[in-house]
Amino acid sequence: MVDSTRPETFREARSILETFRAYAPTPYVVAANKQDLDDAWDIEDMRIALRLDPKLKFLPCVASSKDSVKNVLLELLYSILAEMESGA
């Protein structure tokens, strides 16, 4: 989960994601938190700043919203299930 309102944290988030990808070949999604705030970065601009693969699920999120968090967790579950079904 990345804070959409704090671009100064994007570099650290990118580093964490790169490290995670290098050590753990597991499915994952990335959530852009605080998307309800006026100063939140646009999701596609964040994707570019974080250097995320276009195929990676990058989801808007509002952590204080049950439905928003549920959506992120369901997408993660779907990614895990798809990986299991592919036999990878």
C-alpha atoms as a PDB file:
ATOM      1  CA  MET A   1       0.000   0.000   0.000  1.00  0.00           C
ATOM      2  CA  VAL A   2       1.377   3.361  -1.076  1.00  0.00           C
ATOM      3  CA  ASP A   3       0.274   6.756   0.237  1.00  0.00           C
ATOM      4  CA  SER A   4      -1.057   8.663  -2.803  1.00  0.00           C
ATOM      5  CA  THR A   5      -0.540  12.012  -1.112  1.00  0.00           C
ATOM      6  CA  ARG A   6       3.156  11.626  -0.277  1.00  0.00           C
ATOM      7  CA  PRO A   7       5.281  11.421  -3.415  1.00  0.00           C
ATOM      8  CA  GLU A   8       8.391  11.665  -1.240  1.00  0.00           C
ATOM      9  CA  THR A   9       7.646   8.057  -0.190  1.00  0.00           C
ATOM     10  CA  PHE A  10       7.367   6.692  -3.744  1.00  0.00           C
ATOM     11  CA  ARG A  11      11.097   5.987  -4.039  1.00  0.00           C
ATOM     12  CA  GLU A  12      11.058   3.887  -0.863  1.00  0.00           C
ATOM     13  CA  ALA A  13       7.897   2.085  -2.012  1.00  0.00           C
ATOM     14  CA  ARG A  14       9.525   1.341  -5.383  1.00  0.00           C
ATOM     15  CA  SER A  15      12.573  -0.063  -3.602  1.00  0.00           C
ATOM     16  CA  ILE A  16      10.425  -2.271  -1.355  1.00  0.00           C
ATOM     17  CA  LEU A  17       8.488  -3.581  -4.362  1.00  0.00           C
ATOM     18  CA  GLU A  18      11.678  -4.330  -6.297  1.00  0.00           C
ATOM     19  CA  THR A  19      13.130  -6.193  -3.322  1.00  0.00           C
ATOM     20  CA  PHE A  20       9.902  -8.135  -2.845  1.00  0.00           C
ATOM     21  CA  ARG A  21       9.830  -9.146  -6.518  1.00  0.00           C
ATOM     22  CA  ALA A  22      13.450 -10.295  -6.355  1.00  0.00           C
ATOM     23  CA  TYR A  23      12.950 -12.563  -3.342  1.00  0.00           C
ATOM     24  CA  ALA A  24       9.387 -13.783  -3.557  1.00  0.00           C
ATOM     25  CA  PRO A  25       7.840 -14.966  -6.828  1.00  0.00           C
ATOM     26  CA  THR A  26       4.354 -14.676  -5.378  1.00  0.00           C
ATOM     27  CA  PRO A  27       1.277 -12.882  -6.645  1.00  0.00           C
ATOM     28  CA  TYR A  28       0.644  -9.442  -5.248  1.00  0.00           C
ATOM     29  CA  VAL A  29      -1.294  -6.262  -5.875  1.00  0.00           C
ATOM     30  CA  VAL A  30      -0.419  -2.673  -5.047  1.00  0.00           C
ATOM     31  CA  ALA A  31      -2.918  -0.279  -3.511  1.00  0.00           C
ATOM     32  CA  ALA A  32      -2.813   3.509  -3.821  1.00  0.00           C
ATOM     33  CA  ASN A  33      -4.196   4.711  -0.510  1.00  0.00           C
ATOM     34  CA  LYS A  34      -5.917   8.047   0.227  1.00  0.00           C
ATOM     35  CA  GLN A  35      -7.425   8.292  -3.252  1.00  0.00           C
ATOM     36  CA  ASP A  36     -10.334  10.228  -1.737  1.00  0.00           C
ATOM     37  CA  LEU A  37      -8.155  13.246  -0.930  1.00  0.00           C
ATOM     38  CA  ASP A  38      -7.745  16.274  -3.183  1.00  0.00           C
ATOM     39  CA  ASP A  39      -3.948  16.087  -3.182  1.00  0.00           C
ATOM     40  CA  ALA A  40      -3.826  12.379  -4.096  1.00  0.00           C
ATOM     41  CA  TRP A  41      -1.811  11.573  -7.179  1.00  0.00           C
ATOM     42  CA  ASP A  42      -3.619  10.143 -10.167  1.00  0.00           C
ATOM     43  CA  ILE A  43      -3.347   6.345 -10.257  1.00  0.00           C
ATOM     44  CA  GLU A  44      -1.695   6.262 -13.707  1.00  0.00           C
ATOM     45  CA  ASP A  45       0.830   8.938 -12.737  1.00  0.00           C
ATOM     46  CA  MET A  46       1.672   6.861  -9.664  1.00  0.00           C
ATOM     47  CA  ARG A  47       2.073   3.747 -11.821  1.00  0.00           C
ATOM     48  CA  ILE A  48       4.701   5.602 -13.871  1.00  0.00           C
ATOM     49  CA  ALA A  49       6.470   7.032 -10.804  1.00  0.00           C
ATOM     50  CA  LEU A  50       6.592   3.593  -9.166  1.00  0.00           C
ATOM     51  CA  ARG A  51       7.676   1.932 -12.442  1.00  0.00           C
ATOM     52  CA  LEU A  52       4.935  -0.681 -12.144  1.00  0.00           C
ATOM     53  CA  ASP A  53       4.379  -3.195 -14.898  1.00  0.00           C
ATOM     54  CA  PRO A  54       1.191  -2.331 -16.817  1.00  0.00           C
ATOM     55  CA  LYS A  55      -0.074  -5.868 -16.140  1.00  0.00           C
ATOM     56  CA  LEU A  56       0.240  -5.500 -12.344  1.00  0.00           C
ATOM     57  CA  LYS A  57      -3.003  -4.793 -10.529  1.00  0.00           C
ATOM     58  CA  PHE A  58      -2.675  -1.291  -9.120  1.00  0.00           C
ATOM     59  CA  LEU A  59      -5.808  -0.364  -7.248  1.00  0.00           C
ATOM     60  CA  PRO A  60      -7.195   2.854  -5.821  1.00  0.00           C
ATOM     61  CA  CYS A  61      -7.912   2.552  -2.120  1.00  0.00           C
ATOM     62  CA  VAL A  62      -9.266   4.412   0.874  1.00  0.00           C
ATOM     63  CA  ALA A  63      -8.051   2.471   3.912  1.00  0.00           C
ATOM     64  CA  SER A  64     -10.812   3.869   6.118  1.00  0.00           C
ATOM     65  CA  SER A  65     -13.460   2.429   3.779  1.00  0.00           C
ATOM     66  CA  LYS A  66     -14.428  -1.179   4.422  1.00  0.00           C
ATOM     67  CA  ASP A  67     -15.562  -1.676   0.812  1.00  0.00           C
ATOM     68  CA  SER A  68     -12.359  -0.231  -0.607  1.00  0.00           C
ATOM     69  CA  VAL A  69     -10.150  -2.468   1.530  1.00  0.00           C
ATOM     70  CA  LYS A  70     -12.374  -5.445   0.730  1.00  0.00           C
ATOM     71  CA  ASN A  71     -11.879  -4.778  -2.994  1.00  0.00           C
ATOM     72  CA  VAL A  72      -8.088  -4.737  -2.623  1.00  0.00           C
ATOM     73  CA  LEU A  73      -8.111  -7.982  -0.627  1.00  0.00           C
ATOM     74  CA  LEU A  74     -10.431  -9.666  -3.127  1.00  0.00           C
ATOM     75  CA  GLU A  75      -8.171  -8.654  -6.012  1.00  0.00           C
ATOM     76  CA  LEU A  76      -5.220 -10.130  -4.135  1.00  0.00           C
ATOM     77  CA  LEU A  77      -7.176 -13.335  -3.598  1.00  0.00           C
ATOM     78  CA  TYR A  78      -8.104 -13.481  -7.300  1.00  0.00           C
ATOM     79  CA  SER A  79      -4.432 -13.037  -8.212  1.00  0.00           C
ATOM     80  CA  ILE A  80      -3.423 -15.878  -5.902  1.00  0.00           C
ATOM     81  CA  LEU A  81      -6.137 -18.152  -7.279  1.00  0.00           C
ATOM     82  CA  ALA A  82      -5.159 -17.364 -10.877  1.00  0.00           C
ATOM     83  CA  GLU A  83      -1.540 -18.201 -10.071  1.00  0.00           C
ATOM     84  CA  MET A  84      -2.558 -21.497  -8.472  1.00  0.00           C
ATOM     85  CA  GLU A  85      -4.746 -22.419 -11.455  1.00  0.00           C
ATOM     86  CA  SER A  86      -1.926 -21.704 -13.891  1.00  0.00           C
ATOM     87  CA  GLY A  87       0.255 -24.190 -12.023  1.00  0.00           C
ATOM     88  CA  ALA A  88       3.086 -21.727 -11.554  1.00  0.00           C
END
